[in-house]
Protein backbone atom coordinates (compact mmCIF):
# COMPACT_ATOMS: atom_id res chain seq x y z
CA MET A 1 112.61 52.82 102.48
CA THR A 2 114.40 53.64 99.27
CA GLY A 3 115.94 57.09 99.26
CA CYS A 4 116.26 59.76 96.63
CA THR A 5 117.84 58.50 93.38
CA ALA A 6 119.39 61.87 92.44
CA PRO A 7 122.94 60.95 93.56
CA ILE A 8 122.89 57.85 91.31
CA LEU A 9 120.52 58.48 88.41
CA GLY A 10 120.29 62.24 88.42
CA HIS A 11 117.22 64.45 88.03
CA ARG A 12 118.20 66.40 84.97
CA THR A 13 115.34 64.98 82.95
CA ALA A 14 111.65 65.02 83.78
CA SER A 15 111.47 61.23 83.63
CA GLY A 16 114.40 60.88 86.01
CA ARG A 17 112.71 63.10 88.55
CA ASP A 18 109.31 61.44 88.12
CA ASN A 19 110.79 57.97 88.62
CA CYS A 20 112.37 58.95 91.93
CA PRO A 21 110.44 57.44 94.89
CA VAL A 22 111.05 60.58 96.97
CA CYS A 23 110.79 63.46 94.51
CA GLY A 24 108.54 61.85 91.90
CA THR A 25 104.86 62.49 91.38
CA ARG A 26 103.75 59.08 90.11
CA GLY A 27 103.57 57.34 93.47
CA TYR A 28 105.12 54.00 94.41
CA SER A 29 104.47 51.15 96.79
CA TYR A 30 107.06 49.77 99.16
CA GLY A 31 106.26 46.78 101.32
CA GLY A 32 102.61 47.07 100.40
CA THR A 33 102.37 50.67 101.65
CA PRO A 34 101.61 53.21 98.94
CA TYR A 35 103.91 56.18 98.80
CA SER A 36 102.89 59.43 97.19
CA TYR A 37 104.68 62.71 96.74
CA HIS A 38 103.88 65.53 99.11
CA PRO A 39 105.30 69.07 98.84
CA SER A 40 106.45 68.96 102.46
CA ARG A 41 108.97 66.26 101.51
CA ALA A 42 110.74 68.50 99.06
CA LEU A 43 113.09 71.26 100.12
CA SER A 44 112.19 74.77 99.05
CA PRO A 45 114.59 76.08 96.39
CA TYR A 46 114.36 79.51 98.07
CA PRO A 47 114.73 78.90 101.84
CA TYR A 48 115.62 82.53 102.53
CA LYS A 49 112.99 84.17 100.35
CA THR A 50 110.77 85.15 103.26
CA ALA A 51 113.66 86.48 105.34
CA LYS A 52 114.95 88.48 102.38
CA ARG A 53 111.53 90.00 101.77
CA GLN A 54 111.25 91.00 105.44
CA LYS A 55 114.69 92.60 105.32
CA GLN A 56 113.70 94.57 102.22
CA ASN A 57 110.82 96.10 104.18
CA LYS A 58 113.26 97.68 106.65
CA MET A 59 115.11 100.95 106.21
CA GLN A 60 117.56 103.32 107.82
CA ALA A 61 116.21 106.00 110.14
CA LYS A 62 116.67 109.70 109.48
CA TRP A 63 118.92 109.87 112.54
CA SER A 64 121.14 106.99 111.34
CA PRO A 65 124.73 108.16 110.80
CA HIS A 66 126.42 107.66 107.45
CA GLY A 67 127.51 104.07 106.98
CA SER A 68 125.11 102.64 109.57
CA THR A 69 123.95 99.08 108.94
CA ILE A 70 121.08 99.25 111.44
CA LEU A 71 117.67 98.86 109.82
CA TYR A 72 114.23 99.64 111.25
CA SER A 73 110.75 98.46 110.40
CA PRO A 74 108.18 101.15 109.45
CA ALA A 75 106.43 100.57 112.79
CA GLU A 76 109.69 101.16 114.68
CA ILE A 77 110.32 104.36 112.73
CA ARG A 78 106.86 105.65 113.64
CA ALA A 79 107.32 104.73 117.31
CA LEU A 80 110.83 106.15 117.72
CA THR A 81 110.58 109.36 115.69
CA PRO A 82 108.69 111.38 118.36
CA VAL A 83 111.19 110.20 120.99
CA ARG A 84 114.08 111.17 118.74
CA ASN A 85 112.64 114.67 118.34
CA LYS A 86 112.49 115.05 122.12
CA ILE A 87 116.07 113.82 122.49
CA VAL A 88 117.26 116.53 120.09
CA GLU A 89 115.24 119.16 121.96
CA ARG A 90 116.85 118.15 125.26
CA ALA A 91 120.37 117.94 123.81
CA THR A 92 121.39 121.32 125.18
CA ILE A 93 120.40 120.46 128.76
CA GLN A 94 123.57 119.82 130.73
CA GLY A 95 124.14 116.98 133.19
CA LEU A 96 121.64 114.50 131.78
CA HIS A 97 122.22 110.81 131.21
CA ASP A 98 121.51 109.60 127.69
CA VAL A 99 118.84 107.18 128.81
CA PHE A 100 116.98 106.04 131.89
CA LEU A 101 116.49 102.27 132.13
CA CYS A 102 113.45 101.23 134.14
CA HIS A 103 112.98 97.60 135.12
CA THR A 104 111.52 95.48 137.90
CA TRP A 105 113.62 94.16 140.76
CA ASP A 106 113.22 90.58 139.51
CA ASP A 107 114.95 91.45 136.22
CA ARG A 108 117.93 93.25 137.75
CA LYS A 109 120.37 90.38 137.14
CA GLY A 110 118.82 89.10 133.92
CA ALA A 111 117.41 91.01 130.97
CA ALA A 112 117.90 94.44 132.57
CA LYS A 113 121.58 93.82 133.23
CA GLU A 114 122.07 92.45 129.72
CA LEU A 115 120.51 95.55 128.18
CA TYR A 116 122.41 97.86 130.52
CA GLU A 117 125.78 96.30 129.71
CA SER A 118 125.07 96.31 125.98
CA LEU A 119 124.24 100.01 126.10
CA LYS A 120 127.30 100.84 128.19
CA SER A 121 129.54 98.96 125.77
CA ARG A 122 128.24 101.28 123.04
CA GLY A 123 129.14 104.40 124.99
CA VAL A 124 125.61 105.20 126.19
CA SER A 125 125.30 106.92 129.57
CA VAL A 126 122.60 105.00 131.46
CA TRP A 127 120.66 105.95 134.59
CA PHE A 128 120.17 102.40 135.82
CA SER A 129 117.46 101.79 138.38
CA GLU A 130 119.39 98.79 139.72
CA GLU A 131 121.94 101.29 141.02
CA ASN A 132 119.75 104.32 141.63
CA VAL A 133 116.30 103.12 142.76
CA PRO A 134 115.73 101.96 146.36
CA LEU A 135 114.08 98.60 146.87
CA GLY A 136 110.31 98.89 147.34
CA SER A 137 109.98 102.24 145.57
CA GLN A 138 106.84 102.98 143.56
CA LEU A 139 107.46 102.12 139.95
CA LEU A 140 105.87 105.09 138.19
CA LYS A 141 107.33 107.64 140.57
CA GLU A 142 110.80 106.28 139.88
CA ILE A 143 110.16 106.43 136.13
CA ASP A 144 109.26 110.08 136.46
CA LYS A 145 112.30 110.78 138.64
CA GLY A 146 114.63 108.97 136.25
CA LEU A 147 113.26 110.85 133.26
CA THR A 148 114.09 114.20 134.84
CA LYS A 149 117.72 113.10 134.94
CA SER A 150 117.85 111.59 131.44
CA ARG A 151 117.07 112.61 127.88
CA PHE A 152 114.62 109.73 127.46
CA GLY A 153 113.60 106.48 129.08
CA ILE A 154 113.35 102.77 128.35
CA VAL A 155 110.77 100.63 130.10
CA LEU A 156 111.80 96.97 130.05
CA VAL A 157 108.50 95.08 129.86
CA THR A 158 108.80 91.48 131.06
CA PRO A 159 106.36 89.03 132.71
CA ALA A 160 107.68 90.25 136.09
CA PHE A 161 107.00 93.86 135.06
CA LEU A 162 103.42 93.00 134.09
CA LYS A 163 102.81 91.34 137.46
CA ARG A 164 104.14 94.34 139.36
CA VAL A 165 102.13 96.88 137.37
CA GLU A 166 98.98 94.81 137.78
CA HIS A 167 99.59 94.43 141.52
CA GLU A 168 100.32 98.11 142.16
CA GLY A 169 97.63 99.41 139.86
CA VAL A 170 98.52 101.98 137.23
CA ALA A 171 97.40 105.56 137.77
CA GLU A 172 96.04 106.30 134.31
CA LYS A 173 96.41 110.06 134.74
CA GLU A 174 100.04 109.81 135.81
CA LEU A 175 100.95 107.33 133.09
CA SER A 176 99.16 109.40 130.46
CA ALA A 177 101.25 112.41 131.42
CA LEU A 178 104.48 110.43 131.03
CA LEU A 179 103.51 109.06 127.64
CA SER A 180 102.33 112.42 126.34
CA ARG A 181 105.87 113.73 126.76
CA ASP A 182 107.13 111.23 124.15
CA LEU A 183 110.03 110.21 126.36
CA LEU A 184 109.35 106.49 126.88
CA VAL A 185 110.30 103.54 124.68
CA PRO A 186 108.86 100.16 125.76
CA VAL A 187 111.23 97.23 125.19
CA VAL A 188 109.16 94.03 125.34
CA HIS A 189 111.02 90.88 126.42
CA GLU A 190 109.54 87.37 126.78
CA THR A 191 106.02 88.79 126.54
CA THR A 192 103.96 90.67 123.95
CA PHE A 193 102.42 94.08 123.41
CA GLU A 194 99.03 92.35 123.50
CA GLU A 195 99.69 91.12 127.04
CA LEU A 196 100.94 94.57 128.00
CA ARG A 197 97.73 96.17 126.74
CA GLU A 198 95.68 93.84 128.95
CA VAL A 199 97.47 95.15 132.04
CA SER A 200 98.02 98.75 130.94
CA PRO A 201 96.11 99.89 127.83
CA LEU A 202 97.92 103.23 127.86
CA LEU A 203 101.45 101.87 127.98
CA GLY A 204 100.50 99.09 125.56
CA SER A 205 99.25 101.66 123.08
CA ARG A 206 102.80 102.90 122.66
CA SER A 207 104.80 100.81 120.21
CA GLY A 208 108.46 100.12 120.80
CA LEU A 209 111.02 97.35 120.37
CA SER A 210 110.67 93.64 121.01
CA THR A 211 113.13 90.79 121.52
CA SER A 212 110.72 88.53 119.65
CA GLU A 213 111.83 90.40 116.52
CA GLU A 214 115.57 90.68 117.18
CA PRO A 215 118.17 89.89 119.87
CA MET A 216 118.73 92.20 122.82
CA LYS A 217 122.12 93.28 121.44
CA GLU A 218 120.49 94.56 118.26
CA ILE A 219 117.88 96.42 120.27
CA ALA A 220 120.69 98.00 122.29
CA ALA A 221 122.33 99.08 119.03
CA LYS A 222 119.10 100.81 117.95
CA ILE A 223 118.74 102.56 121.29
CA ALA A 224 122.36 103.69 121.14
CA GLU A 225 121.85 105.10 117.65
CA LEU A 226 118.64 106.79 118.79
CA ALA A 227 120.50 108.43 121.68
CA THR A 228 123.48 109.63 119.63
CA ILE A 229 123.15 113.32 118.92
CA GLN A 230 126.71 114.52 118.42
CA ARG A 231 126.52 114.29 114.62
CA GLN A 232 123.17 116.05 114.36
CA VAL A 233 123.49 118.69 117.05
CA SER A 234 126.50 120.96 117.39
């Protein structure tokens, strides 16, 4: 099939563009098969327009230090602000880790380790259940225990996490108490908040961060910024 004539004839004039068998609108026949122009054959002149518009909808958080390049969506700001307030309240408590990272046993060498190492590389003190939680322990009890030793907690929600929560059964009263303290941030990985709500409506009602929106390293950067209190609290 004949290709675009722009390299040879140019498209600076309307007739030149119309006469092109690829970009033209008049339609041509090659080998007895009619060819007609379709918008999907033409490249968009603004391939990054959507991405740029999405970026414009993001903003810095109130807790972002001067010069920070980390941007948050309005939904992330709403979800993280109550947690940030609790972090500042607990800043004067001595001996606490910055964050407690809760995950399932199946994720200990995958997503959980990746998030843990990314946080540690940013100077965040992490109470890591891979190192501190005995095998076979009850999930929610360990979350509660970890939170008492940390300023706030991250729950890494993966398909393995959903299976474990569904298998154990979630004590709605206990989970409600944890969430009401505004100390948990769900980080959804390789699943969705919709799937989380099907297993645990309470935990799924709490928005957080998702690797479907940005890489794990960027999520770690947001958590590190959320945990940093030295510049706001003397």
